[in-house]
Amino acid sequence: MLKGIVTVSLKQDVLDPQGQAVLHSLQTLGFPEAQNVRIGKSIEVWLEESDSQKAESRLKEMCEALLVNSVIEDYSFEIVED
């Protein structure tokens, strides 16, 4: 069995209000060196597949079909042995 780890983040030109709120909180708590925060998500998908290239292809299809909103998000992924 293989595991796909997808990392999703907002595109650079998309406003990230959650990141801005976290940045403000960090600075208020005494972390002035924090200058920018972007919030993203990590998605783990276990694949019943032994061929890593096939798993990679299927995971990419999953990202494009459901897991990622390509209008406002970028993503990367890796396949690892579970």
PDB file of N, CA and C in Angstrom:
ATOM      1  N   MET A   1       0.846  -1.172   0.000  1.00  0.00           N
ATOM      2  CA  MET A   1       0.000   0.000   0.000  1.00  0.00           C
ATOM      3  C   MET A   1       0.895   1.240   0.000  1.00  0.00           C
ATOM      4  N   LEU A   2       0.487   2.231  -0.759  1.00  0.00           N
ATOM      5  CA  LEU A   2       1.226   3.488  -0.842  1.00  0.00           C
ATOM      6  C   LEU A   2       0.371   4.611  -0.262  1.00  0.00           C
ATOM      7  N   LYS A   3       1.052   5.640   0.216  1.00  0.00           N
ATOM      8  CA  LYS A   3       0.349   6.803   0.738  1.00  0.00           C
ATOM      9  C   LYS A   3       0.741   8.017  -0.079  1.00  0.00           C
ATOM     10  N   GLY A   4      -0.256   8.777  -0.483  1.00  0.00           N
ATOM     11  CA  GLY A   4      -0.029  10.047  -1.157  1.00  0.00           C
ATOM     12  C   GLY A   4      -0.225  11.177  -0.163  1.00  0.00           C
ATOM     13  N   ILE A   5       0.705  12.103  -0.141  1.00  0.00           N
ATOM     14  CA  ILE A   5       0.601  13.274   0.726  1.00  0.00           C
ATOM     15  C   ILE A   5       0.501  14.496  -0.177  1.00  0.00           C
ATOM     16  N   VAL A   6      -0.653  15.149  -0.131  1.00  0.00           N
ATOM     17  CA  VAL A   6      -0.921  16.315  -0.967  1.00  0.00           C
ATOM     18  C   VAL A   6      -0.826  17.561  -0.093  1.00  0.00           C
ATOM     19  N   THR A   7      -0.048  18.532  -0.525  1.00  0.00           N
ATOM     20  CA  THR A   7       0.063  19.812   0.168  1.00  0.00           C
ATOM     21  C   THR A   7      -0.609  20.867  -0.699  1.00  0.00           C
ATOM     22  N   VAL A   8      -1.610  21.518  -0.126  1.00  0.00           N
ATOM     23  CA  VAL A   8      -2.412  22.504  -0.860  1.00  0.00           C
ATOM     24  C   VAL A   8      -2.206  23.871  -0.219  1.00  0.00           C
ATOM     25  N   SER A   9      -2.006  24.881  -1.052  1.00  0.00           N
ATOM     26  CA  SER A   9      -1.873  26.246  -0.548  1.00  0.00           C
ATOM     27  C   SER A   9      -2.568  27.204  -1.508  1.00  0.00           C
ATOM     28  N   LEU A  10      -2.962  28.346  -0.977  1.00  0.00           N
ATOM     29  CA  LEU A  10      -3.565  29.361  -1.829  1.00  0.00           C
ATOM     30  C   LEU A  10      -2.524  29.902  -2.806  1.00  0.00           C
ATOM     31  N   LYS A  11      -2.957  30.221  -4.006  1.00  0.00           N
ATOM     32  CA  LYS A  11      -2.043  30.846  -4.962  1.00  0.00           C
ATOM     33  C   LYS A  11      -1.547  32.164  -4.382  1.00  0.00           C
ATOM     34  N   GLN A  12      -0.358  32.548  -4.769  1.00  0.00           N
ATOM     35  CA  GLN A  12       0.317  33.707  -4.204  1.00  0.00           C
ATOM     36  C   GLN A  12      -0.520  34.980  -4.301  1.00  0.00           C
ATOM     37  N   ASP A  13      -1.294  35.158  -5.362  1.00  0.00           N
ATOM     38  CA  ASP A  13      -2.059  36.398  -5.535  1.00  0.00           C
ATOM     39  C   ASP A  13      -3.461  36.337  -4.933  1.00  0.00           C
ATOM     40  N   VAL A  14      -3.789  35.266  -4.208  1.00  0.00           N
ATOM     41  CA  VAL A  14      -5.090  35.132  -3.554  1.00  0.00           C
ATOM     42  C   VAL A  14      -4.958  35.581  -2.096  1.00  0.00           C
ATOM     43  N   LEU A  15      -5.871  36.461  -1.685  1.00  0.00           N
ATOM     44  CA  LEU A  15      -5.882  36.956  -0.315  1.00  0.00           C
ATOM     45  C   LEU A  15      -6.092  35.802   0.658  1.00  0.00           C
ATOM     46  N   ASP A  16      -5.334  35.807   1.750  1.00  0.00           N
ATOM     47  CA  ASP A  16      -5.421  34.760   2.767  1.00  0.00           C
ATOM     48  C   ASP A  16      -5.794  35.398   4.111  1.00  0.00           C
ATOM     49  N   PRO A  17      -7.094  35.626   4.344  1.00  0.00           N
ATOM     50  CA  PRO A  17      -7.493  36.281   5.590  1.00  0.00           C
ATOM     51  C   PRO A  17      -7.138  35.477   6.844  1.00  0.00           C
ATOM     52  N   GLN A  18      -7.174  34.157   6.756  1.00  0.00           N
ATOM     53  CA  GLN A  18      -6.795  33.334   7.905  1.00  0.00           C
ATOM     54  C   GLN A  18      -5.312  33.522   8.218  1.00  0.00           C
ATOM     55  N   GLY A  19      -4.485  33.558   7.180  1.00  0.00           N
ATOM     56  CA  GLY A  19      -3.062  33.798   7.373  1.00  0.00           C
ATOM     57  C   GLY A  19      -2.798  35.169   7.977  1.00  0.00           C
ATOM     58  N   GLN A  20      -3.551  36.172   7.535  1.00  0.00           N
ATOM     59  CA  GLN A  20      -3.391  37.525   8.076  1.00  0.00           C
ATOM     60  C   GLN A  20      -3.777  37.575   9.551  1.00  0.00           C
ATOM     61  N   ALA A  21      -4.837  36.853   9.930  1.00  0.00           N
ATOM     62  CA  ALA A  21      -5.254  36.810  11.334  1.00  0.00           C
ATOM     63  C   ALA A  21      -4.180  36.139  12.195  1.00  0.00           C
ATOM     64  N   VAL A  22      -3.592  35.054  11.694  1.00  0.00           N
ATOM     65  CA  VAL A  22      -2.533  34.377  12.433  1.00  0.00           C
ATOM     66  C   VAL A  22      -1.306  35.276  12.539  1.00  0.00           C
ATOM     67  N   LEU A  23      -0.951  35.963  11.473  1.00  0.00           N
ATOM     68  CA  LEU A  23       0.180  36.893  11.502  1.00  0.00           C
ATOM     69  C   LEU A  23      -0.034  37.967  12.561  1.00  0.00           C
ATOM     70  N   HIS A  24      -1.218  38.549  12.567  1.00  0.00           N
ATOM     71  CA  HIS A  24      -1.522  39.590  13.558  1.00  0.00           C
ATOM     72  C   HIS A  24      -1.382  39.030  14.982  1.00  0.00           C
ATOM     73  N   SER A  25      -1.912  37.828  15.204  1.00  0.00           N
ATOM     74  CA  SER A  25      -1.824  37.210  16.531  1.00  0.00           C
ATOM     75  C   SER A  25      -0.378  36.939  16.935  1.00  0.00           C
ATOM     76  N   LEU A  26       0.420  36.435  15.990  1.00  0.00           N
ATOM     77  CA  LEU A  26       1.837  36.181  16.289  1.00  0.00           C
ATOM     78  C   LEU A  26       2.544  37.463  16.698  1.00  0.00           C
ATOM     79  N   GLN A  27       2.311  38.533  15.953  1.00  0.00           N
ATOM     80  CA  GLN A  27       2.968  39.799  16.265  1.00  0.00           C
ATOM     81  C   GLN A  27       2.488  40.350  17.599  1.00  0.00           C
ATOM     82  N   THR A  28       1.198  40.182  17.885  1.00  0.00           N
ATOM     83  CA  THR A  28       0.649  40.625  19.171  1.00  0.00           C
ATOM     84  C   THR A  28       1.247  39.838  20.329  1.00  0.00           C
ATOM     85  N   LEU A  29       1.549  38.566  20.094  1.00  0.00           N
ATOM     86  CA  LEU A  29       2.128  37.711  21.135  1.00  0.00           C
ATOM     87  C   LEU A  29       3.640  37.894  21.300  1.00  0.00           C
ATOM     88  N   GLY A  30       4.213  38.831  20.547  1.00  0.00           N
ATOM     89  CA  GLY A  30       5.627  39.126  20.726  1.00  0.00           C
ATOM     90  C   GLY A  30       6.556  38.451  19.740  1.00  0.00           C
ATOM     91  N   PHE A  31       6.058  38.133  18.573  1.00  0.00           N
ATOM     92  CA  PHE A  31       6.891  37.545  17.520  1.00  0.00           C
ATOM     93  C   PHE A  31       6.956  38.503  16.335  1.00  0.00           C
ATOM     94  N   PRO A  32       7.647  39.638  16.492  1.00  0.00           N
ATOM     95  CA  PRO A  32       7.686  40.648  15.430  1.00  0.00           C
ATOM     96  C   PRO A  32       8.429  40.181  14.180  1.00  0.00           C
ATOM     97  N   GLU A  33       9.246  39.132  14.312  1.00  0.00           N
ATOM     98  CA  GLU A  33       9.979  38.642  13.141  1.00  0.00           C
ATOM     99  C   GLU A  33       9.053  37.947  12.135  1.00  0.00           C
ATOM    100  N   ALA A  34       7.866  37.575  12.562  1.00  0.00           N
ATOM    101  CA  ALA A  34       6.895  36.972  11.635  1.00  0.00           C
ATOM    102  C   ALA A  34       6.397  38.070  10.704  1.00  0.00           C
ATOM    103  N   GLN A  35       6.637  37.931   9.435  1.00  0.00           N
ATOM    104  CA  GLN A  35       6.302  38.970   8.472  1.00  0.00           C
ATOM    105  C   GLN A  35       5.211  38.571   7.478  1.00  0.00           C
ATOM    106  N   ASN A  36       4.961  37.288   7.335  1.00  0.00           N
ATOM    107  CA  ASN A  36       3.899  36.832   6.442  1.00  0.00           C
ATOM    108  C   ASN A  36       3.516  35.410   6.845  1.00  0.00           C
ATOM    109  N   VAL A  37       2.239  35.098   6.774  1.00  0.00           N
ATOM    110  CA  VAL A  37       1.749  33.763   7.089  1.00  0.00           C
ATOM    111  C   VAL A  37       0.755  33.368   6.007  1.00  0.00           C
ATOM    112  N   ARG A  38       0.925  32.181   5.477  1.00  0.00           N
ATOM    113  CA  ARG A  38      -0.023  31.612   4.515  1.00  0.00           C
ATOM    114  C   ARG A  38      -0.491  30.284   5.102  1.00  0.00           C
ATOM    115  N   ILE A  39      -1.779  30.078   5.120  1.00  0.00           N
ATOM    116  CA  ILE A  39      -2.361  28.856   5.665  1.00  0.00           C
ATOM    117  C   ILE A  39      -2.661  27.901   4.512  1.00  0.00           C
ATOM    118  N   GLY A  40      -2.329  26.650   4.700  1.00  0.00           N
ATOM    119  CA  GLY A  40      -2.605  25.626   3.701  1.00  0.00           C
ATOM    120  C   GLY A  40      -3.164  24.392   4.369  1.00  0.00           C
ATOM    121  N   LYS A  41      -3.170  23.301   3.644  1.00  0.00           N
ATOM    122  CA  LYS A  41      -3.660  22.047   4.221  1.00  0.00           C
ATOM    123  C   LYS A  41      -2.872  20.883   3.652  1.00  0.00           C
ATOM    124  N   SER A  42      -2.882  19.820   4.411  1.00  0.00           N
ATOM    125  CA  SER A  42      -2.231  18.587   3.989  1.00  0.00           C
ATOM    126  C   SER A  42      -3.292  17.491   3.954  1.00  0.00           C
ATOM    127  N   ILE A  43      -3.302  16.722   2.893  1.00  0.00           N
ATOM    128  CA  ILE A  43      -4.271  15.644   2.718  1.00  0.00           C
ATOM    129  C   ILE A  43      -3.495  14.352   2.508  1.00  0.00           C
ATOM    130  N   GLU A  44      -3.827  13.327   3.275  1.00  0.00           N
ATOM    131  CA  GLU A  44      -3.192  12.024   3.119  1.00  0.00           C
ATOM    132  C   GLU A  44      -4.203  11.062   2.498  1.00  0.00           C
ATOM    133  N   VAL A  45      -3.783  10.364   1.460  1.00  0.00           N
ATOM    134  CA  VAL A  45      -4.646   9.405   0.773  1.00  0.00           C
ATOM    135  C   VAL A  45      -3.891   8.084   0.675  1.00  0.00           C
ATOM    136  N   TRP A  46      -4.454   7.036   1.258  1.00  0.00           N
ATOM    137  CA  TRP A  46      -3.853   5.711   1.154  1.00  0.00           C
ATOM    138  C   TRP A  46      -4.374   5.039  -0.103  1.00  0.00           C
ATOM    139  N   LEU A  47      -3.468   4.513  -0.894  1.00  0.00           N
ATOM    140  CA  LEU A  47      -3.808   3.929  -2.188  1.00  0.00           C
ATOM    141  C   LEU A  47      -3.462   2.443  -2.192  1.00  0.00           C
ATOM    142  N   GLU A  48      -4.411   1.637  -2.562  1.00  0.00           N
ATOM    143  CA  GLU A  48      -4.150   0.213  -2.699  1.00  0.00           C
ATOM    144  C   GLU A  48      -3.516   0.002  -4.071  1.00  0.00           C
ATOM    145  N   GLU A  49      -2.222   0.278  -4.112  1.00  0.00           N
ATOM    146  CA  GLU A  49      -1.466   0.253  -5.367  1.00  0.00           C
ATOM    147  C   GLU A  49      -0.019  -0.013  -5.019  1.00  0.00           C
ATOM    148  N   SER A  50       0.652  -0.821  -5.816  1.00  0.00           N
ATOM    149  CA  SER A  50       2.068  -1.096  -5.559  1.00  0.00           C
ATOM    150  C   SER A  50       2.989  -0.368  -6.539  1.00  0.00           C
ATOM    151  N   ASP A  51       2.443   0.066  -7.655  1.00  0.00           N
ATOM    152  CA  ASP A  51       3.207   0.780  -8.681  1.00  0.00           C
ATOM    153  C   ASP A  51       3.169   2.274  -8.374  1.00  0.00           C
ATOM    154  N   SER A  52       4.318   2.848  -7.992  1.00  0.00           N
ATOM    155  CA  SER A  52       4.334   4.254  -7.585  1.00  0.00           C
ATOM    156  C   SER A  52       3.977   5.212  -8.720  1.00  0.00           C
ATOM    157  N   GLN A  53       4.330   4.875  -9.961  1.00  0.00           N
ATOM    158  CA  GLN A  53       3.971   5.750 -11.082  1.00  0.00           C
ATOM    159  C   GLN A  53       2.458   5.764 -11.311  1.00  0.00           C
ATOM    160  N   LYS A  54       1.832   4.616 -11.190  1.00  0.00           N
ATOM    161  CA  LYS A  54       0.384   4.550 -11.341  1.00  0.00           C
ATOM    162  C   LYS A  54      -0.304   5.280 -10.186  1.00  0.00           C
ATOM    163  N   ALA A  55       0.228   5.108  -8.990  1.00  0.00           N
ATOM    164  CA  ALA A  55      -0.322   5.806  -7.825  1.00  0.00           C
ATOM    165  C   ALA A  55      -0.207   7.319  -8.007  1.00  0.00           C
ATOM    166  N   GLU A  56       0.929   7.770  -8.512  1.00  0.00           N
ATOM    167  CA  GLU A  56       1.139   9.196  -8.759  1.00  0.00           C
ATOM    168  C   GLU A  56       0.127   9.731  -9.765  1.00  0.00           C
ATOM    169  N   SER A  57      -0.087   8.986 -10.830  1.00  0.00           N
ATOM    170  CA  SER A  57      -1.044   9.388 -11.859  1.00  0.00           C
ATOM    171  C   SER A  57      -2.461   9.476 -11.296  1.00  0.00           C
ATOM    172  N   ARG A  58      -2.849   8.476 -10.508  1.00  0.00           N
ATOM    173  CA  ARG A  58      -4.197   8.465  -9.935  1.00  0.00           C
ATOM    174  C   ARG A  58      -4.364   9.580  -8.904  1.00  0.00           C
ATOM    175  N   LEU A  59      -3.331   9.842  -8.112  1.00  0.00           N
ATOM    176  CA  LEU A  59      -3.416  10.907  -7.122  1.00  0.00           C
ATOM    177  C   LEU A  59      -3.555  12.262  -7.808  1.00  0.00           C
ATOM    178  N   LYS A  60      -2.849  12.452  -8.895  1.00  0.00           N
ATOM    179  CA  LYS A  60      -2.978  13.702  -9.647  1.00  0.00           C
ATOM    180  C   LYS A  60      -4.409  13.862 -10.152  1.00  0.00           C
ATOM    181  N   GLU A  61      -5.007  12.784 -10.650  1.00  0.00           N
ATOM    182  CA  GLU A  61      -6.402  12.832 -11.103  1.00  0.00           C
ATOM    183  C   GLU A  61      -7.330  13.206  -9.948  1.00  0.00           C
ATOM    184  N   MET A  62      -7.079  12.644  -8.758  1.00  0.00           N
ATOM    185  CA  MET A  62      -7.897  12.956  -7.581  1.00  0.00           C
ATOM    186  C   MET A  62      -7.793  14.444  -7.221  1.00  0.00           C
ATOM    187  N   CYS A  63      -6.570  14.963  -7.289  1.00  0.00           N
ATOM    188  CA  CYS A  63      -6.363  16.379  -6.981  1.00  0.00           C
ATOM    189  C   CYS A  63      -7.144  17.261  -7.942  1.00  0.00           C
ATOM    190  N   GLU A  64      -7.046  16.950  -9.210  1.00  0.00           N
ATOM    191  CA  GLU A  64      -7.699  17.771 -10.224  1.00  0.00           C
ATOM    192  C   GLU A  64      -9.213  17.616 -10.214  1.00  0.00           C
ATOM    193  N   ALA A  65      -9.721  16.448  -9.794  1.00  0.00           N
ATOM    194  CA  ALA A  65     -11.158  16.204  -9.792  1.00  0.00           C
ATOM    195  C   ALA A  65     -11.851  16.732  -8.537  1.00  0.00           C
ATOM    196  N   LEU A  66     -11.149  16.681  -7.385  1.00  0.00           N
ATOM    197  CA  LEU A  66     -11.845  16.989  -6.142  1.00  0.00           C
ATOM    198  C   LEU A  66     -11.004  17.705  -5.089  1.00  0.00           C
ATOM    199  N   LEU A  67      -9.788  17.281  -4.875  1.00  0.00           N
ATOM    200  CA  LEU A  67      -9.040  17.718  -3.708  1.00  0.00           C
ATOM    201  C   LEU A  67      -8.543  19.162  -3.767  1.00  0.00           C
ATOM    202  N   VAL A  68      -8.377  19.704  -4.969  1.00  0.00           N
ATOM    203  CA  VAL A  68      -7.789  21.037  -5.131  1.00  0.00           C
ATOM    204  C   VAL A  68      -8.694  21.901  -6.004  1.00  0.00           C
ATOM    205  N   ASN A  69      -8.898  23.135  -5.574  1.00  0.00           N
ATOM    206  CA  ASN A  69      -9.603  24.121  -6.402  1.00  0.00           C
ATOM    207  C   ASN A  69      -8.531  24.858  -7.198  1.00  0.00           C
ATOM    208  N   SER A  70      -8.312  24.432  -8.415  1.00  0.00           N
ATOM    209  CA  SER A  70      -7.186  24.956  -9.205  1.00  0.00           C
ATOM    210  C   SER A  70      -7.330  26.430  -9.570  1.00  0.00           C
ATOM    211  N   VAL A  71      -8.494  27.006  -9.368  1.00  0.00           N
ATOM    212  CA  VAL A  71      -8.674  28.434  -9.638  1.00  0.00           C
ATOM    213  C   VAL A  71      -7.918  29.265  -8.600  1.00  0.00           C
ATOM    214  N   ILE A  72      -7.949  28.825  -7.337  1.00  0.00           N
ATOM    215  CA  ILE A  72      -7.328  29.626  -6.277  1.00  0.00           C
ATOM    216  C   ILE A  72      -6.220  28.901  -5.512  1.00  0.00           C
ATOM    217  N   GLU A  73      -6.006  27.608  -5.805  1.00  0.00           N
ATOM    218  CA  GLU A  73      -5.023  26.844  -5.027  1.00  0.00           C
ATOM    219  C   GLU A  73      -3.955  26.212  -5.912  1.00  0.00           C
ATOM    220  N   ASP A  74      -2.771  26.085  -5.341  1.00  0.00           N
ATOM    221  CA  ASP A  74      -1.673  25.322  -5.924  1.00  0.00           C
ATOM    222  C   ASP A  74      -1.487  24.075  -5.072  1.00  0.00           C
ATOM    223  N   TYR A  75      -0.852  23.067  -5.650  1.00  0.00           N
ATOM    224  CA  TYR A  75      -0.605  21.858  -4.863  1.00  0.00           C
ATOM    225  C   TYR A  75       0.657  21.166  -5.318  1.00  0.00           C
ATOM    226  N   SER A  76       1.158  20.348  -4.417  1.00  0.00           N
ATOM    227  CA  SER A  76       2.248  19.426  -4.720  1.00  0.00           C
ATOM    228  C   SER A  76       1.930  18.160  -3.968  1.00  0.00           C
ATOM    229  N   PHE A  77       2.556  17.056  -4.389  1.00  0.00           N
ATOM    230  CA  PHE A  77       2.317  15.812  -3.671  1.00  0.00           C
ATOM    231  C   PHE A  77       3.513  14.903  -3.776  1.00  0.00           C
ATOM    232  N   GLU A  78       3.525  13.937  -2.876  1.00  0.00           N
ATOM    233  CA  GLU A  78       4.553  12.897  -2.916  1.00  0.00           C
ATOM    234  C   GLU A  78       3.894  11.569  -2.599  1.00  0.00           C
ATOM    235  N   ILE A  79       4.484  10.507  -3.108  1.00  0.00           N
ATOM    236  CA  ILE A  79       4.043   9.147  -2.830  1.00  0.00           C
ATOM    237  C   ILE A  79       5.089   8.505  -1.923  1.00  0.00           C
ATOM    238  N   VAL A  80       4.642   7.930  -0.823  1.00  0.00           N
ATOM    239  CA  VAL A  80       5.563   7.289   0.115  1.00  0.00           C
ATOM    240  C   VAL A  80       5.048   5.890   0.451  1.00  0.00           C
ATOM    241  N   GLU A  81       5.973   5.019   0.846  1.00  0.00           N
ATOM    242  CA  GLU A  81       5.594   3.681   1.306  1.00  0.00           C
ATOM    243  C   GLU A  81       4.939   3.829   2.670  1.00  0.00           C
ATOM    244  N   ASP A  82       3.839   3.134   2.863  1.00  0.00           N
ATOM    245  CA  ASP A  82       3.179   3.196   4.166  1.00  0.00           C
ATOM    246  C   ASP A  82       3.503   1.971   4.979  1.00  0.00           C
TER     247      ASP A  82
END
